[in-house]
Amino acid sequence: MDNAVATVRSIRDVPPAHYSLKLTSFSLFLDADIGNYPSGVFEAGGYEWKLCIHPNGNEKINVDRHISLYLVIADTETLPPGWEVNVNFKLFVFDQIRDKYLTIQDAEGVIRRFHRMKTEWGFDQFVSVETFNDASNGYLVDDCCVFGAEVFVIKHMGKDESASMVKDPANNIYTSRIEKFSAIDQDVIYSDEFIVGGTKWKLQIYPKGNSSVDGKWLSLYLSLARRKTLPFDRKIFADCKLRVRGEVYGNHSEKEVFCWFCASSYSWRFPKFMALSDLNDASKGFVVNDVLTVEAQITFISSTKDF
């Protein structure tokens, strides 16, 4: 019943955390040929369990000259339809001479799935009869032995997340027209909010540059519009082209930003996006009829959903 998975055997001082089963007059269990002995029920991880020991080996699968030991989920009739329980467990036998425990578990942290069709897992050849009966090993002393179990249920306690990367999402070009541009005396202009990939964005335009430049530049930012509504650790990737449109010759001034945005890093800044000498040069056609047109085109954006 171990499904041919390799096992790991180790020695430790600490007793099993969840259950110990002491059998006295062990030889009589053998003589009586009981087949198997199911222990009492114990609780671990919110479920009820028991040990099942086959002193002469599991006869159903022709195990010979070995003790078989299994972990069994108990009271399954109280579990909901379609139940399953995923478990990482260890089984023990006590060395009474050295006060240590031989621990046996599946190798590489294998998780066992208990369900309606599979209610027990364990080790067909838990320990050989020869090893068990060897007095020097301390497993059988004065016809008494002790077995044990630790059961760690793998419960899904958190949330699930689905993440994808979207290329050229719908409505991914946002255009903002700033009229009477030459008369603007505001330090910063905020665009309307626009939605791309389910995320709200906005542009910030500094007609004479932000405070970090010398008044000879147009500054342009792309920012998350509702950053305070984001989970603190949620990140959104965006590959975006910011541009000032050249309305006469089609020679746009353009820069590309690709980075992760989050609540604590919510804006990408181009303080020196474009020299004002170029912007205000009528021959270059960026400001036409006193209208400046800026755009944001998001070509890639990450999408994340929680479950």
C-alpha atoms as a PDB file:
ATOM      1  CA  MET A   1       0.000   0.000   0.000  1.00  0.00           C
ATOM      2  CA  ASP A   2       3.021   2.284  -0.165  1.00  0.00           C
ATOM      3  CA  ASN A   3       2.635   2.494  -3.979  1.00  0.00           C
ATOM      4  CA  ALA A   4       6.320   1.675  -4.531  1.00  0.00           C
ATOM      5  CA  VAL A   5       7.528   5.110  -3.402  1.00  0.00           C
ATOM      6  CA  ALA A   6      10.989   5.199  -1.829  1.00  0.00           C
ATOM      7  CA  THR A   7      11.110   5.692   1.912  1.00  0.00           C
ATOM      8  CA  VAL A   8      13.395   7.574   4.253  1.00  0.00           C
ATOM      9  CA  ARG A   9      14.385   6.094   7.613  1.00  0.00           C
ATOM     10  CA  SER A  10      15.922   8.253  10.303  1.00  0.00           C
ATOM     11  CA  ILE A  11      16.541   8.284  14.045  1.00  0.00           C
ATOM     12  CA  ARG A  12      15.356  11.064  16.348  1.00  0.00           C
ATOM     13  CA  ASP A  13      14.957  11.803  20.070  1.00  0.00           C
ATOM     14  CA  VAL A  14      11.569  13.508  19.988  1.00  0.00           C
ATOM     15  CA  PRO A  15       8.461  11.315  20.337  1.00  0.00           C
ATOM     16  CA  PRO A  16       5.670  11.439  17.738  1.00  0.00           C
ATOM     17  CA  ALA A  17       3.570  14.560  18.059  1.00  0.00           C
ATOM     18  CA  HIS A  18       0.125  13.075  17.562  1.00  0.00           C
ATOM     19  CA  TYR A  19      -0.189   9.477  18.681  1.00  0.00           C
ATOM     20  CA  SER A  20       1.558   6.573  20.377  1.00  0.00           C
ATOM     21  CA  LEU A  21       0.334   2.991  20.430  1.00  0.00           C
ATOM     22  CA  LYS A  22       1.788   0.652  23.058  1.00  0.00           C
ATOM     23  CA  LEU A  23       1.285  -3.104  22.601  1.00  0.00           C
ATOM     24  CA  THR A  24       2.030  -5.414  25.515  1.00  0.00           C
ATOM     25  CA  SER A  25       2.231  -9.200  25.212  1.00  0.00           C
ATOM     26  CA  PHE A  26       3.118  -8.657  21.596  1.00  0.00           C
ATOM     27  CA  SER A  27       3.897 -12.343  21.086  1.00  0.00           C
ATOM     28  CA  LEU A  28       0.257 -13.151  21.787  1.00  0.00           C
ATOM     29  CA  PHE A  29      -0.818 -10.840  18.987  1.00  0.00           C
ATOM     30  CA  LEU A  30       1.347 -12.988  16.747  1.00  0.00           C
ATOM     31  CA  ASP A  31       0.100 -16.291  18.142  1.00  0.00           C
ATOM     32  CA  ALA A  32      -3.527 -15.263  17.881  1.00  0.00           C
ATOM     33  CA  ASP A  33      -3.012 -14.510  14.191  1.00  0.00           C
ATOM     34  CA  ILE A  34      -5.400 -11.553  14.420  1.00  0.00           C
ATOM     35  CA  GLY A  35      -4.620 -10.278  10.941  1.00  0.00           C
ATOM     36  CA  ASN A  36      -4.534  -6.627  11.938  1.00  0.00           C
ATOM     37  CA  TYR A  37      -5.117  -4.455  14.958  1.00  0.00           C
ATOM     38  CA  PRO A  38      -6.815  -1.036  14.489  1.00  0.00           C
ATOM     39  CA  SER A  39      -5.913   1.480  17.168  1.00  0.00           C
ATOM     40  CA  GLY A  40      -8.192   3.936  18.866  1.00  0.00           C
ATOM     41  CA  VAL A  41      -9.001   7.193  17.140  1.00  0.00           C
ATOM     42  CA  PHE A  42      -6.841  10.309  17.477  1.00  0.00           C
ATOM     43  CA  GLU A  43      -7.176  13.804  16.071  1.00  0.00           C
ATOM     44  CA  ALA A  44      -4.676  15.634  13.868  1.00  0.00           C
ATOM     45  CA  GLY A  45      -5.175  18.527  11.488  1.00  0.00           C
ATOM     46  CA  GLY A  46      -8.903  18.665  12.123  1.00  0.00           C
ATOM     47  CA  TYR A  47      -9.512  15.044  11.115  1.00  0.00           C
ATOM     48  CA  GLU A  48      -9.727  11.746  12.975  1.00  0.00           C
ATOM     49  CA  TRP A  49      -7.216   8.980  12.341  1.00  0.00           C
ATOM     50  CA  LYS A  50      -6.109   5.596  13.590  1.00  0.00           C
ATOM     51  CA  LEU A  51      -3.178   3.274  13.116  1.00  0.00           C
ATOM     52  CA  CYS A  52      -3.590  -0.200  11.698  1.00  0.00           C
ATOM     53  CA  ILE A  53      -0.827  -2.697  12.431  1.00  0.00           C
ATOM     54  CA  HIS A  54      -0.441  -6.119  10.829  1.00  0.00           C
ATOM     55  CA  PRO A  55       1.915  -7.978  13.216  1.00  0.00           C
ATOM     56  CA  ASN A  56       2.454 -10.815  10.730  1.00  0.00           C
ATOM     57  CA  GLY A  57       2.444  -8.611   7.628  1.00  0.00           C
ATOM     58  CA  ASN A  58      -0.425  -7.649   5.364  1.00  0.00           C
ATOM     59  CA  GLU A  59      -1.755 -10.983   4.207  1.00  0.00           C
ATOM     60  CA  LYS A  60      -4.018  -9.397   1.558  1.00  0.00           C
ATOM     61  CA  ILE A  61      -0.973  -8.470  -0.483  1.00  0.00           C
ATOM     62  CA  ASN A  62       1.179 -11.440   0.639  1.00  0.00           C
ATOM     63  CA  VAL A  63       3.603  -9.477   2.814  1.00  0.00           C
ATOM     64  CA  ASP A  64       5.806 -11.949   4.699  1.00  0.00           C
ATOM     65  CA  ARG A  65       8.424 -11.614   7.421  1.00  0.00           C
ATOM     66  CA  HIS A  66       7.606  -7.930   7.920  1.00  0.00           C
ATOM     67  CA  ILE A  67       5.351  -5.877  10.141  1.00  0.00           C
ATOM     68  CA  SER A  68       2.974  -3.715   8.079  1.00  0.00           C
ATOM     69  CA  LEU A  69       1.830  -0.371   9.483  1.00  0.00           C
ATOM     70  CA  TYR A  70      -0.711   2.047   8.038  1.00  0.00           C
ATOM     71  CA  LEU A  71      -2.353   5.394   8.756  1.00  0.00           C
ATOM     72  CA  VAL A  72      -6.133   5.223   8.313  1.00  0.00           C
ATOM     73  CA  ILE A  73      -8.585   8.112   8.152  1.00  0.00           C
ATOM     74  CA  ALA A  74     -11.473   7.406  10.514  1.00  0.00           C
ATOM     75  CA  ASP A  75     -15.186   8.307  10.633  1.00  0.00           C
ATOM     76  CA  THR A  76     -15.336   9.031   6.912  1.00  0.00           C
ATOM     77  CA  GLU A  77     -19.124   8.917   6.986  1.00  0.00           C
ATOM     78  CA  THR A  78     -19.106  12.339   8.652  1.00  0.00           C
ATOM     79  CA  LEU A  79     -17.061  13.927   5.857  1.00  0.00           C
ATOM     80  CA  PRO A  80     -18.799  15.812   3.024  1.00  0.00           C
ATOM     81  CA  PRO A  81     -19.431  14.229  -0.389  1.00  0.00           C
ATOM     82  CA  GLY A  82     -16.360  14.241  -2.621  1.00  0.00           C
ATOM     83  CA  TRP A  83     -14.025  14.756   0.331  1.00  0.00           C
ATOM     84  CA  GLU A  84     -10.295  14.407   0.061  1.00  0.00           C
ATOM     85  CA  VAL A  85      -7.519  15.047   2.559  1.00  0.00           C
ATOM     86  CA  ASN A  86      -3.895  15.583   1.555  1.00  0.00           C
ATOM     87  CA  VAL A  87      -1.350  14.498   4.127  1.00  0.00           C
ATOM     88  CA  ASN A  88       2.343  14.280   4.804  1.00  0.00           C
ATOM     89  CA  PHE A  89       2.907  11.772   7.605  1.00  0.00           C
ATOM     90  CA  LYS A  90       5.539   9.848   9.543  1.00  0.00           C
ATOM     91  CA  LEU A  91       5.233   6.534  11.339  1.00  0.00           C
ATOM     92  CA  PHE A  92       7.430   5.487  14.265  1.00  0.00           C
ATOM     93  CA  VAL A  93       8.714   2.583  16.294  1.00  0.00           C
ATOM     94  CA  PHE A  94      10.368   3.219  19.661  1.00  0.00           C
ATOM     95  CA  ASP A  95      13.881   2.005  20.515  1.00  0.00           C
ATOM     96  CA  GLN A  96      13.385   1.402  24.239  1.00  0.00           C
ATOM     97  CA  ILE A  97      17.072   0.802  24.929  1.00  0.00           C
ATOM     98  CA  ARG A  98      18.411   4.073  23.521  1.00  0.00           C
ATOM     99  CA  ASP A  99      15.276   6.158  24.092  1.00  0.00           C
ATOM    100  CA  LYS A 100      15.109   7.041  20.403  1.00  0.00           C
ATOM    101  CA  TYR A 101      12.577   6.674  17.622  1.00  0.00           C
ATOM    102  CA  LEU A 102      13.001   5.072  14.232  1.00  0.00           C
ATOM    103  CA  THR A 103      11.056   7.322  11.857  1.00  0.00           C
ATOM    104  CA  ILE A 104       9.812   6.112   8.494  1.00  0.00           C
ATOM    105  CA  GLN A 105       8.286   8.377   5.874  1.00  0.00           C
ATOM    106  CA  ASP A 106       7.884   8.708   2.126  1.00  0.00           C
ATOM    107  CA  ALA A 107      10.911  10.163   0.399  1.00  0.00           C
ATOM    108  CA  GLU A 108      11.008  13.680  -1.047  1.00  0.00           C
ATOM    109  CA  GLY A 109       8.066  14.908   0.994  1.00  0.00           C
ATOM    110  CA  VAL A 110       5.469  12.952  -0.969  1.00  0.00           C
ATOM    111  CA  ILE A 111       1.914  14.058  -0.172  1.00  0.00           C
ATOM    112  CA  ARG A 112      -0.628  11.258   0.161  1.00  0.00           C
ATOM    113  CA  ARG A 113      -4.218  11.832  -0.911  1.00  0.00           C
ATOM    114  CA  PHE A 114      -6.905  10.220   1.224  1.00  0.00           C
ATOM    115  CA  HIS A 115     -10.352   9.937  -0.351  1.00  0.00           C
ATOM    116  CA  ARG A 116     -13.378   7.667  -0.484  1.00  0.00           C
ATOM    117  CA  MET A 117     -11.593   5.034  -2.567  1.00  0.00           C
ATOM    118  CA  LYS A 118      -8.314   5.260  -0.647  1.00  0.00           C
ATOM    119  CA  THR A 119      -8.685   5.578   3.118  1.00  0.00           C
ATOM    120  CA  GLU A 120      -5.290   4.270   4.248  1.00  0.00           C
ATOM    121  CA  TRP A 121      -1.646   4.804   3.390  1.00  0.00           C
ATOM    122  CA  GLY A 122       1.435   3.377   4.999  1.00  0.00           C
ATOM    123  CA  PHE A 123       4.260   0.913   4.698  1.00  0.00           C
ATOM    124  CA  ASP A 124       3.798  -2.722   3.718  1.00  0.00           C
ATOM    125  CA  GLN A 125       7.287  -3.546   4.940  1.00  0.00           C
ATOM    126  CA  PHE A 126       7.492  -1.164   7.858  1.00  0.00           C
ATOM    127  CA  VAL A 127      10.165  -3.205   9.657  1.00  0.00           C
ATOM    128  CA  SER A 128      11.344  -6.762   9.138  1.00  0.00           C
ATOM    129  CA  VAL A 129      10.436  -9.363  11.748  1.00  0.00           C
ATOM    130  CA  GLU A 130      14.124 -10.218  12.094  1.00  0.00           C
ATOM    131  CA  THR A 131      15.071  -6.616  12.848  1.00  0.00           C
ATOM    132  CA  PHE A 132      12.091  -6.111  15.123  1.00  0.00           C
ATOM    133  CA  ASN A 133      12.820  -9.244  17.187  1.00  0.00           C
ATOM    134  CA  ASP A 134      16.552  -8.523  17.499  1.00  0.00           C
ATOM    135  CA  ALA A 135      16.834  -7.555  21.171  1.00  0.00           C
ATOM    136  CA  SER A 136      19.817  -5.292  20.479  1.00  0.00           C
ATOM    137  CA  ASN A 137      17.589  -2.932  18.441  1.00  0.00           C
ATOM    138  CA  GLY A 138      15.334  -2.226  21.403  1.00  0.00           C
ATOM    139  CA  TYR A 139      12.046  -2.352  19.504  1.00  0.00           C
ATOM    140  CA  LEU A 140      10.684  -5.318  21.465  1.00  0.00           C
ATOM    141  CA  VAL A 141      11.533  -5.298  25.175  1.00  0.00           C
ATOM    142  CA  ASP A 142       9.795  -7.551  27.691  1.00  0.00           C
ATOM    143  CA  ASP A 143       7.331  -8.445  24.933  1.00  0.00           C
ATOM    144  CA  CYS A 144       6.297  -4.770  24.718  1.00  0.00           C
ATOM    145  CA  CYS A 145       6.587  -2.348  21.793  1.00  0.00           C
ATOM    146  CA  VAL A 146       5.518   1.199  20.935  1.00  0.00           C
ATOM    147  CA  PHE A 147       4.473   2.604  17.554  1.00  0.00           C
ATOM    148  CA  GLY A 148       3.501   6.164  16.701  1.00  0.00           C
ATOM    149  CA  ALA A 149       2.336   8.673  14.116  1.00  0.00           C
ATOM    150  CA  GLU A 150       2.682  12.302  13.100  1.00  0.00           C
ATOM    151  CA  VAL A 151       0.101  13.593  10.668  1.00  0.00           C
ATOM    152  CA  PHE A 152       0.370  16.939   8.902  1.00  0.00           C
ATOM    153  CA  VAL A 153      -2.700  17.833   6.874  1.00  0.00           C
ATOM    154  CA  ILE A 154      -2.072  20.073   3.886  1.00  0.00           C
ATOM    155  CA  LYS A 155      -4.919  22.563   4.098  1.00  0.00           C
ATOM    156  CA  HIS A 156      -5.571  25.293   1.599  1.00  0.00           C
ATOM    157  CA  MET A 157      -5.822  28.282   3.919  1.00  0.00           C
ATOM    158  CA  GLY A 158      -4.862  31.106   1.587  1.00  0.00           C
ATOM    159  CA  LYS A 159      -6.092  32.504  -1.699  1.00  0.00           C
ATOM    160  CA  ASP A 160      -5.429  31.506  -5.284  1.00  0.00           C
ATOM    161  CA  GLU A 161      -4.120  33.833  -7.920  1.00  0.00           C
ATOM    162  CA  SER A 162      -4.340  33.697 -11.688  1.00  0.00           C
ATOM    163  CA  ALA A 163      -1.903  35.874 -13.647  1.00  0.00           C
ATOM    164  CA  SER A 164      -1.614  36.471 -17.369  1.00  0.00           C
ATOM    165  CA  MET A 165       0.099  38.878 -19.754  1.00  0.00           C
ATOM    166  CA  VAL A 166      -2.106  40.600 -22.322  1.00  0.00           C
ATOM    167  CA  LYS A 167      -0.780  41.982 -25.597  1.00  0.00           C
ATOM    168  CA  ASP A 168      -2.539  44.966 -27.184  1.00  0.00           C
ATOM    169  CA  PRO A 169      -5.475  44.992 -24.743  1.00  0.00           C
ATOM    170  CA  ALA A 170      -8.770  46.562 -25.775  1.00  0.00           C
ATOM    171  CA  ASN A 171      -8.933  50.365 -25.816  1.00  0.00           C
ATOM    172  CA  ASN A 172      -5.214  50.543 -25.186  1.00  0.00           C
ATOM    173  CA  ILE A 173      -4.630  53.984 -26.743  1.00  0.00           C
ATOM    174  CA  TYR A 174      -5.658  56.981 -24.695  1.00  0.00           C
ATOM    175  CA  THR A 175      -5.528  60.481 -26.187  1.00  0.00           C
ATOM    176  CA  SER A 176      -5.710  63.720 -24.234  1.00  0.00           C
ATOM    177  CA  ARG A 177      -6.097  67.083 -25.988  1.00  0.00           C
ATOM    178  CA  ILE A 178      -4.981  70.120 -23.984  1.00  0.00           C
ATOM    179  CA  GLU A 179      -6.568  73.260 -25.434  1.00  0.00           C
ATOM    180  CA  LYS A 180      -5.336  76.857 -24.997  1.00  0.00           C
ATOM    181  CA  PHE A 181      -2.003  75.330 -24.105  1.00  0.00           C
ATOM    182  CA  SER A 182      -0.073  78.624 -24.237  1.00  0.00           C
ATOM    183  CA  ALA A 183      -2.384  80.198 -21.637  1.00  0.00           C
ATOM    184  CA  ILE A 184      -2.019  77.456 -19.046  1.00  0.00           C
ATOM    185  CA  ASP A 185      -0.400  78.674 -15.824  1.00  0.00           C
ATOM    186  CA  GLN A 186      -0.866  75.477 -13.786  1.00  0.00           C
ATOM    187  CA  ASP A 187       2.199  73.587 -12.678  1.00  0.00           C
ATOM    188  CA  VAL A 188       0.609  70.227 -13.497  1.00  0.00           C
ATOM    189  CA  ILE A 189      -2.336  69.030 -15.558  1.00  0.00           C
ATOM    190  CA  TYR A 190      -4.030  65.736 -14.804  1.00  0.00           C
ATOM    191  CA  SER A 191      -5.728  63.810 -17.548  1.00  0.00           C
ATOM    192  CA  ASP A 192      -9.033  62.055 -17.115  1.00  0.00           C
ATOM    193  CA  GLU A 193      -8.760  58.530 -15.794  1.00  0.00           C
ATOM    194  CA  PHE A 194      -8.654  55.819 -18.429  1.00  0.00           C
ATOM    195  CA  ILE A 195      -8.934  52.062 -18.078  1.00  0.00           C
ATOM    196  CA  VAL A 196      -6.660  49.540 -19.774  1.00  0.00           C
ATOM    197  CA  GLY A 197      -6.522  45.893 -18.759  1.00  0.00           C
ATOM    198  CA  GLY A 198      -8.910  46.474 -15.889  1.00  0.00           C
ATOM    199  CA  THR A 199      -6.567  49.022 -14.293  1.00  0.00           C
ATOM    200  CA  LYS A 200      -7.224  52.754 -14.005  1.00  0.00           C
ATOM    201  CA  TRP A 201      -4.467  55.105 -15.181  1.00  0.00           C
ATOM    202  CA  LYS A 202      -3.890  58.808 -15.617  1.00  0.00           C
ATOM    203  CA  LEU A 203      -1.333  61.085 -17.206  1.00  0.00           C
ATOM    204  CA  GLN A 204       0.368  64.009 -15.507  1.00  0.00           C
ATOM    205  CA  ILE A 205       1.649  66.776 -17.746  1.00  0.00           C
ATOM    206  CA  TYR A 206       3.966  69.497 -16.447  1.00  0.00           C
ATOM    207  CA  PRO A 207       3.892  72.232 -19.142  1.00  0.00           C
ATOM    208  CA  LYS A 208       7.117  73.831 -17.877  1.00  0.00           C
ATOM    209  CA  GLY A 209       8.639  70.779 -16.278  1.00  0.00           C
ATOM    210  CA  ASN A 210       8.505  69.517 -12.732  1.00  0.00           C
ATOM    211  CA  SER A 211      10.540  70.954  -9.894  1.00  0.00           C
ATOM    212  CA  SER A 212      13.573  68.770 -10.683  1.00  0.00           C
ATOM    213  CA  VAL A 213      14.275  70.372 -14.076  1.00  0.00           C
ATOM    214  CA  ASP A 214      15.176  73.890 -15.116  1.00  0.00           C
ATOM    215  CA  GLY A 215      11.970  75.043 -16.800  1.00  0.00           C
ATOM    216  CA  LYS A 216      13.176  74.097 -20.264  1.00  0.00           C
ATOM    217  CA  TRP A 217      11.390  70.777 -20.500  1.00  0.00           C
ATOM    218  CA  LEU A 218       7.930  69.252 -20.709  1.00  0.00           C
ATOM    219  CA  SER A 219       7.569  66.550 -18.030  1.00  0.00           C
ATOM    220  CA  LEU A 220       5.212  63.608 -18.584  1.00  0.00           C
ATOM    221  CA  TYR A 221       4.189  60.896 -16.116  1.00  0.00           C
ATOM    222  CA  LEU A 222       2.144  57.724 -16.315  1.00  0.00           C
ATOM    223  CA  SER A 223       0.527  56.857 -12.967  1.00  0.00           C
ATOM    224  CA  LEU A 224      -1.874  54.439 -11.368  1.00  0.00           C
ATOM    225  CA  ALA A 225      -5.089  56.378 -10.754  1.00  0.00           C
ATOM    226  CA  ARG A 226      -6.404  54.375  -7.801  1.00  0.00           C
ATOM    227  CA  ARG A 227      -3.271  53.073  -6.149  1.00  0.00           C
ATOM    228  CA  LYS A 228      -4.774  53.105  -2.649  1.00  0.00           C
ATOM    229  CA  THR A 229      -7.324  50.491  -3.700  1.00  0.00           C
ATOM    230  CA  LEU A 230      -4.595  48.028  -4.685  1.00  0.00           C
ATOM    231  CA  PRO A 231      -3.448  45.318  -2.271  1.00  0.00           C
ATOM    232  CA  PHE A 232      -0.127  46.447  -0.826  1.00  0.00           C
ATOM    233  CA  ASP A 233       1.863  43.666  -2.519  1.00  0.00           C
ATOM    234  CA  ARG A 234       0.007  43.621  -5.852  1.00  0.00           C
ATOM    235  CA  LYS A 235       2.128  44.563  -8.860  1.00  0.00           C
ATOM    236  CA  ILE A 236       1.004  45.423 -12.374  1.00  0.00           C
ATOM    237  CA  PHE A 237       3.362  45.266 -15.325  1.00  0.00           C
ATOM    238  CA  ALA A 238       2.849  47.682 -18.186  1.00  0.00           C
ATOM    239  CA  ASP A 239       4.760  48.319 -21.412  1.00  0.00           C
ATOM    240  CA  CYS A 240       3.605  51.743 -22.505  1.00  0.00           C
ATOM    241  CA  LYS A 241       4.560  54.296 -25.136  1.00  0.00           C
ATOM    242  CA  LEU A 242       4.044  57.913 -24.103  1.00  0.00           C
ATOM    243  CA  ARG A 243       4.009  60.434 -26.885  1.00  0.00           C
ATOM    244  CA  VAL A 244       3.409  64.037 -27.820  1.00  0.00           C
ATOM    245  CA  ARG A 245       1.773  63.908 -31.200  1.00  0.00           C
ATOM    246  CA  GLY A 246       3.255  65.763 -34.140  1.00  0.00           C
ATOM    247  CA  GLU A 247       0.024  66.809 -35.836  1.00  0.00           C
ATOM    248  CA  VAL A 248       1.557  68.296 -38.997  1.00  0.00           C
ATOM    249  CA  TYR A 249       4.261  65.882 -40.102  1.00  0.00           C
ATOM    250  CA  GLY A 250       3.422  62.852 -37.980  1.00  0.00           C
ATOM    251  CA  ASN A 251       6.824  62.966 -36.311  1.00  0.00           C
ATOM    252  CA  HIS A 252       5.795  62.197 -32.762  1.00  0.00           C
ATOM    253  CA  SER A 253       8.011  62.667 -29.733  1.00  0.00           C
ATOM    254  CA  GLU A 254       7.823  59.288 -28.025  1.00  0.00           C
ATOM    255  CA  LYS A 255       9.357  57.436 -25.095  1.00  0.00           C
ATOM    256  CA  GLU A 256       8.699  53.913 -23.870  1.00  0.00           C
ATOM    257  CA  VAL A 257       8.262  52.765 -20.292  1.00  0.00           C
ATOM    258  CA  PHE A 258       8.121  49.136 -19.190  1.00  0.00           C
ATOM    259  CA  CYS A 259       8.053  48.478 -15.481  1.00  0.00           C
ATOM    260  CA  TRP A 260       6.085  47.113 -12.540  1.00  0.00           C
ATOM    261  CA  PHE A 261       3.631  49.488 -10.873  1.00  0.00           C
ATOM    262  CA  CYS A 262       2.356  49.033  -7.314  1.00  0.00           C
ATOM    263  CA  ALA A 263       0.887  51.017  -4.444  1.00  0.00           C
ATOM    264  CA  SER A 264       4.314  52.172  -3.264  1.00  0.00           C
ATOM    265  CA  SER A 265       5.780  52.715  -6.741  1.00  0.00           C
ATOM    266  CA  TYR A 266       2.815  53.965  -8.683  1.00  0.00           C
ATOM    267  CA  SER A 267       4.280  56.361 -11.250  1.00  0.00           C
ATOM    268  CA  TRP A 268       6.841  56.357 -14.051  1.00  0.00           C
ATOM    269  CA  ARG A 269       8.332  59.751 -14.681  1.00  0.00           C
ATOM    270  CA  PHE A 270       9.996  61.431 -17.623  1.00  0.00           C
ATOM    271  CA  PRO A 271      11.066  64.796 -16.155  1.00  0.00           C
ATOM    272  CA  LYS A 272      12.835  65.686 -19.414  1.00  0.00           C
ATOM    273  CA  PHE A 273      10.345  64.189 -21.800  1.00  0.00           C
ATOM    274  CA  MET A 274      10.694  66.886 -24.436  1.00  0.00           C
ATOM    275  CA  ALA A 275      12.564  70.160 -24.751  1.00  0.00           C
ATOM    276  CA  LEU A 276      10.222  73.164 -24.690  1.00  0.00           C
ATOM    277  CA  SER A 277      12.229  74.698 -27.523  1.00  0.00           C
ATOM    278  CA  ASP A 278      11.127  71.798 -29.747  1.00  0.00           C
ATOM    279  CA  LEU A 279       7.589  71.732 -28.374  1.00  0.00           C
ATOM    280  CA  ASN A 280       7.015  75.415 -29.058  1.00  0.00           C
ATOM    281  CA  ASP A 281       8.694  75.459 -32.465  1.00  0.00           C
ATOM    282  CA  ALA A 282       5.702  76.022 -34.765  1.00  0.00           C
ATOM    283  CA  SER A 283       7.554  74.501 -37.714  1.00  0.00           C
ATOM    284  CA  LYS A 284       7.649  71.130 -35.983  1.00  0.00           C
ATOM    285  CA  GLY A 285       3.881  70.937 -35.592  1.00  0.00           C
ATOM    286  CA  PHE A 286       3.510  69.735 -32.010  1.00  0.00           C
ATOM    287  CA  VAL A 287       1.204  72.557 -30.877  1.00  0.00           C
ATOM    288  CA  VAL A 288      -1.404  73.291 -33.554  1.00  0.00           C
ATOM    289  CA  ASN A 289      -4.139  75.883 -33.036  1.00  0.00           C
ATOM    290  CA  ASP A 290      -2.871  76.140 -29.448  1.00  0.00           C
ATOM    291  CA  VAL A 291      -3.726  72.457 -28.810  1.00  0.00           C
ATOM    292  CA  LEU A 292      -1.233  69.953 -27.421  1.00  0.00           C
ATOM    293  CA  THR A 293      -2.091  66.286 -27.874  1.00  0.00           C
ATOM    294  CA  VAL A 294      -0.515  63.623 -25.680  1.00  0.00           C
ATOM    295  CA  GLU A 295      -1.100  59.884 -25.834  1.00  0.00           C
ATOM    296  CA  ALA A 296      -0.479  56.723 -23.893  1.00  0.00           C
ATOM    297  CA  GLN A 297      -0.437  53.418 -25.741  1.00  0.00           C
ATOM    298  CA  ILE A 298      -0.178  50.310 -23.554  1.00  0.00           C
ATOM    299  CA  THR A 299       1.070  47.366 -25.599  1.00  0.00           C
ATOM    300  CA  PHE A 300       1.522  44.806 -22.813  1.00  0.00           C
ATOM    301  CA  ILE A 301      -0.154  44.639 -19.409  1.00  0.00           C
ATOM    302  CA  SER A 302      -0.354  42.003 -16.722  1.00  0.00           C
ATOM    303  CA  SER A 303      -3.708  40.825 -15.451  1.00  0.00           C
ATOM    304  CA  THR A 304      -4.185  39.278 -12.025  1.00  0.00           C
ATOM    305  CA  LYS A 305      -7.263  37.767 -10.427  1.00  0.00           C
ATOM    306  CA  ASP A 306      -7.720  36.438  -6.901  1.00  0.00           C
ATOM    307  CA  PHE A 307      -9.946  33.501  -6.027  1.00  0.00           C
END
